[in-house]
């Protein structure tokens, strides 16, 4: 009598089909998870830049603009204290800064995956004259 050991071709094809279905569901979910995590990291970096710019605006006479190119954010300051403001912000958030320059760059991984707009610092409302 001959005994059969191992799997039949049909059993192997069924296992491969099940694995393909699982991979077809799991890979997009995992990719979406990674994209969300990367965006969250970039979002936090942008928040740090906004906070540092707000601090610099409060201390110095300077305005800030920024541009995103790929994963590089370039922040440019204008005003009488632009170089001081740029130096302070680059010290807080890191990045490439040249002494006495009014511009510095910060590389933020995956910043291009989202769209950010640095919100301007809000000024408190004027006091009500009737108070």
C-alpha atoms as a PDB file:
ATOM      1  CA  UNK A   1       0.000   0.000   0.000  1.00  0.00           C
ATOM      2  CA  UNK A   2       1.213   3.444  -0.940  1.00  0.00           C
ATOM      3  CA  UNK A   3       0.789   6.232   1.637  1.00  0.00           C
ATOM      4  CA  UNK A   4       0.505   9.870   0.538  1.00  0.00           C
ATOM      5  CA  UNK A   5       2.624  12.304   2.499  1.00  0.00           C
ATOM      6  CA  UNK A   6       2.490  16.067   2.003  1.00  0.00           C
ATOM      7  CA  UNK A   7      -0.052  18.492   0.603  1.00  0.00           C
ATOM      8  CA  UNK A   8      -2.016  18.251  -2.581  1.00  0.00           C
ATOM      9  CA  UNK A   9      -1.783  20.970  -5.214  1.00  0.00           C
ATOM     10  CA  UNK A  10      -5.332  22.125  -4.428  1.00  0.00           C
ATOM     11  CA  UNK A  11      -4.497  22.579  -0.731  1.00  0.00           C
ATOM     12  CA  UNK A  12      -1.436  24.659  -1.591  1.00  0.00           C
ATOM     13  CA  UNK A  13      -3.413  26.866  -3.992  1.00  0.00           C
ATOM     14  CA  UNK A  14      -6.101  27.448  -1.328  1.00  0.00           C
ATOM     15  CA  UNK A  15      -3.455  28.494   1.231  1.00  0.00           C
ATOM     16  CA  UNK A  16      -1.803  30.854  -1.277  1.00  0.00           C
ATOM     17  CA  UNK A  17      -5.186  32.385  -2.147  1.00  0.00           C
ATOM     18  CA  UNK A  18      -5.976  32.996   1.533  1.00  0.00           C
ATOM     19  CA  UNK A  19      -2.564  34.607   2.072  1.00  0.00           C
ATOM     20  CA  UNK A  20      -3.114  36.852  -0.966  1.00  0.00           C
ATOM     21  CA  UNK A  21      -6.472  38.015   0.379  1.00  0.00           C
ATOM     22  CA  UNK A  22      -4.979  38.792   3.791  1.00  0.00           C
ATOM     23  CA  UNK A  23      -2.070  40.674   2.180  1.00  0.00           C
ATOM     24  CA  UNK A  24      -4.480  42.558  -0.076  1.00  0.00           C
ATOM     25  CA  UNK A  25      -6.260  43.891   2.994  1.00  0.00           C
ATOM     26  CA  UNK A  26      -3.293  44.341   5.344  1.00  0.00           C
ATOM     27  CA  UNK A  27      -0.860  46.191   3.057  1.00  0.00           C
ATOM     28  CA  UNK A  28      -3.136  49.199   2.285  1.00  0.00           C
ATOM     29  CA  UNK A  29      -4.093  49.482   5.969  1.00  0.00           C
ATOM     30  CA  UNK A  30      -0.423  49.429   6.998  1.00  0.00           C
ATOM     31  CA  UNK A  31       0.520  51.981   4.324  1.00  0.00           C
ATOM     32  CA  UNK A  32      -2.274  54.284   5.475  1.00  0.00           C
ATOM     33  CA  UNK A  33      -1.075  53.935   9.077  1.00  0.00           C
ATOM     34  CA  UNK A  34       2.498  54.861   8.106  1.00  0.00           C
ATOM     35  CA  UNK A  35       1.304  57.891   6.091  1.00  0.00           C
ATOM     36  CA  UNK A  36      -0.758  59.145   9.045  1.00  0.00           C
ATOM     37  CA  UNK A  37       2.196  58.723  11.401  1.00  0.00           C
ATOM     38  CA  UNK A  38       4.542  60.577   9.018  1.00  0.00           C
ATOM     39  CA  UNK A  39       2.035  63.401   8.642  1.00  0.00           C
ATOM     40  CA  UNK A  40       1.649  63.645  12.418  1.00  0.00           C
ATOM     41  CA  UNK A  41       5.424  64.010  12.836  1.00  0.00           C
ATOM     42  CA  UNK A  42       5.579  66.690  10.135  1.00  0.00           C
ATOM     43  CA  UNK A  43       2.537  68.416  11.634  1.00  0.00           C
ATOM     44  CA  UNK A  44       4.255  68.577  15.029  1.00  0.00           C
ATOM     45  CA  UNK A  45       7.373  70.049  13.411  1.00  0.00           C
ATOM     46  CA  UNK A  46       5.264  72.737  11.710  1.00  0.00           C
ATOM     47  CA  UNK A  47       3.586  73.485  15.059  1.00  0.00           C
ATOM     48  CA  UNK A  48       7.039  73.891  16.634  1.00  0.00           C
ATOM     49  CA  UNK A  49       8.020  76.327  13.873  1.00  0.00           C
ATOM     50  CA  UNK A  50       4.787  78.316  14.354  1.00  0.00           C
ATOM     51  CA  UNK A  51       5.445  78.543  18.087  1.00  0.00           C
ATOM     52  CA  UNK A  52       9.041  79.658  17.588  1.00  0.00           C
ATOM     53  CA  UNK A  53       7.970  82.287  15.038  1.00  0.00           C
ATOM     54  CA  UNK A  54       5.331  83.605  17.442  1.00  0.00           C
ATOM     55  CA  UNK A  55       7.995  83.923  20.150  1.00  0.00           C
ATOM     56  CA  UNK A  56      10.330  85.723  17.758  1.00  0.00           C
ATOM     57  CA  UNK A  57       7.582  88.106  16.607  1.00  0.00           C
ATOM     58  CA  UNK A  58       6.803  88.946  20.219  1.00  0.00           C
ATOM     59  CA  UNK A  59      10.437  89.737  20.972  1.00  0.00           C
ATOM     60  CA  UNK A  60      11.696  91.261  17.732  1.00  0.00           C
ATOM     61  CA  UNK A  61      10.430  93.572  15.006  1.00  0.00           C
ATOM     62  CA  UNK A  62      10.175  90.997  12.231  1.00  0.00           C
ATOM     63  CA  UNK A  63       7.650  89.223  10.033  1.00  0.00           C
ATOM     64  CA  UNK A  64       8.018  85.684   8.721  1.00  0.00           C
ATOM     65  CA  UNK A  65       7.103  83.937   5.485  1.00  0.00           C
ATOM     66  CA  UNK A  66       7.815  80.366   4.538  1.00  0.00           C
ATOM     67  CA  UNK A  67       7.945  78.124   1.504  1.00  0.00           C
ATOM     68  CA  UNK A  68       7.872  74.335   1.229  1.00  0.00           C
ATOM     69  CA  UNK A  69       9.880  72.561  -1.449  1.00  0.00           C
ATOM     70  CA  UNK A  70       9.898  68.796  -1.108  1.00  0.00           C
ATOM     71  CA  UNK A  71      10.855  68.066   2.493  1.00  0.00           C
ATOM     72  CA  UNK A  72      12.547  71.434   3.052  1.00  0.00           C
ATOM     73  CA  UNK A  73      10.806  74.358   4.730  1.00  0.00           C
ATOM     74  CA  UNK A  74      12.491  77.718   4.119  1.00  0.00           C
ATOM     75  CA  UNK A  75      11.591  80.488   6.546  1.00  0.00           C
ATOM     76  CA  UNK A  76      12.430  84.078   5.665  1.00  0.00           C
ATOM     77  CA  UNK A  77      12.227  86.991   8.056  1.00  0.00           C
ATOM     78  CA  UNK A  78      11.853  90.639   7.102  1.00  0.00           C
ATOM     79  CA  UNK A  79      12.070  93.683   9.317  1.00  0.00           C
ATOM     80  CA  UNK A  80      14.633  95.494  11.379  1.00  0.00           C
ATOM     81  CA  UNK A  81      15.384  92.492  13.619  1.00  0.00           C
ATOM     82  CA  UNK A  82      15.066  89.837  10.910  1.00  0.00           C
ATOM     83  CA  UNK A  83      18.498  88.281  11.509  1.00  0.00           C
ATOM     84  CA  UNK A  84      17.941  88.074  15.273  1.00  0.00           C
ATOM     85  CA  UNK A  85      14.512  86.532  14.786  1.00  0.00           C
ATOM     86  CA  UNK A  86      15.846  83.974  12.283  1.00  0.00           C
ATOM     87  CA  UNK A  87      18.672  83.049  14.641  1.00  0.00           C
ATOM     88  CA  UNK A  88      16.284  82.575  17.551  1.00  0.00           C
ATOM     89  CA  UNK A  89      13.808  80.463  15.579  1.00  0.00           C
ATOM     90  CA  UNK A  90      16.547  78.299  14.084  1.00  0.00           C
ATOM     91  CA  UNK A  91      17.899  77.777  17.603  1.00  0.00           C
ATOM     92  CA  UNK A  92      14.511  76.586  18.809  1.00  0.00           C
ATOM     93  CA  UNK A  93      13.569  74.307  15.899  1.00  0.00           C
ATOM     94  CA  UNK A  94      17.001  73.451  14.508  1.00  0.00           C
ATOM     95  CA  UNK A  95      17.848  73.698  10.848  1.00  0.00           C
ATOM     96  CA  UNK A  96      20.501  75.256   8.666  1.00  0.00           C
ATOM     97  CA  UNK A  97      21.261  78.842   9.657  1.00  0.00           C
ATOM     98  CA  UNK A  98      24.089  81.166   8.649  1.00  0.00           C
ATOM     99  CA  UNK A  99      24.974  83.907  11.166  1.00  0.00           C
ATOM    100  CA  UNK A 100      23.382  87.296  10.370  1.00  0.00           C
ATOM    101  CA  UNK A 101      21.163  85.759   7.681  1.00  0.00           C
ATOM    102  CA  UNK A 102      17.440  86.443   7.552  1.00  0.00           C
ATOM    103  CA  UNK A 103      16.599  83.042   6.063  1.00  0.00           C
ATOM    104  CA  UNK A 104      17.090  79.515   7.295  1.00  0.00           C
ATOM    105  CA  UNK A 105      15.937  76.090   6.172  1.00  0.00           C
ATOM    106  CA  UNK A 106      14.598  73.146   8.106  1.00  0.00           C
ATOM    107  CA  UNK A 107      14.256  69.673   6.629  1.00  0.00           C
ATOM    108  CA  UNK A 108      11.110  67.944   7.818  1.00  0.00           C
ATOM    109  CA  UNK A 109      10.690  64.369   6.651  1.00  0.00           C
ATOM    110  CA  UNK A 110       7.442  63.847   4.733  1.00  0.00           C
ATOM    111  CA  UNK A 111       6.322  67.465   5.036  1.00  0.00           C
ATOM    112  CA  UNK A 112       5.292  67.239   1.397  1.00  0.00           C
ATOM    113  CA  UNK A 113       2.586  64.688   2.342  1.00  0.00           C
ATOM    114  CA  UNK A 114       0.423  67.429   3.788  1.00  0.00           C
ATOM    115  CA  UNK A 115      -0.523  71.017   3.211  1.00  0.00           C
ATOM    116  CA  UNK A 116       0.260  73.427   5.982  1.00  0.00           C
ATOM    117  CA  UNK A 117      -0.145  77.105   6.362  1.00  0.00           C
ATOM    118  CA  UNK A 118       1.662  78.855   9.147  1.00  0.00           C
ATOM    119  CA  UNK A 119      -1.059  80.717  10.949  1.00  0.00           C
ATOM    120  CA  UNK A 120      -0.287  84.323  11.783  1.00  0.00           C
ATOM    121  CA  UNK A 121      -0.049  85.237  15.427  1.00  0.00           C
ATOM    122  CA  UNK A 122      -3.280  86.716  16.563  1.00  0.00           C
ATOM    123  CA  UNK A 123      -3.323  89.994  18.378  1.00  0.00           C
ATOM    124  CA  UNK A 124      -5.565  90.348  21.389  1.00  0.00           C
ATOM    125  CA  UNK A 125      -8.722  92.395  20.831  1.00  0.00           C
ATOM    126  CA  UNK A 126      -8.531  96.052  21.706  1.00  0.00           C
ATOM    127  CA  UNK A 127      -9.821  96.993  25.126  1.00  0.00           C
ATOM    128  CA  UNK A 128     -13.415  98.142  25.183  1.00  0.00           C
ATOM    129  CA  UNK A 129     -13.388 101.914  25.868  1.00  0.00           C
ATOM    130  CA  UNK A 130     -16.542 101.578  27.973  1.00  0.00           C
ATOM    131  CA  UNK A 131     -14.784  99.365  30.555  1.00  0.00           C
END
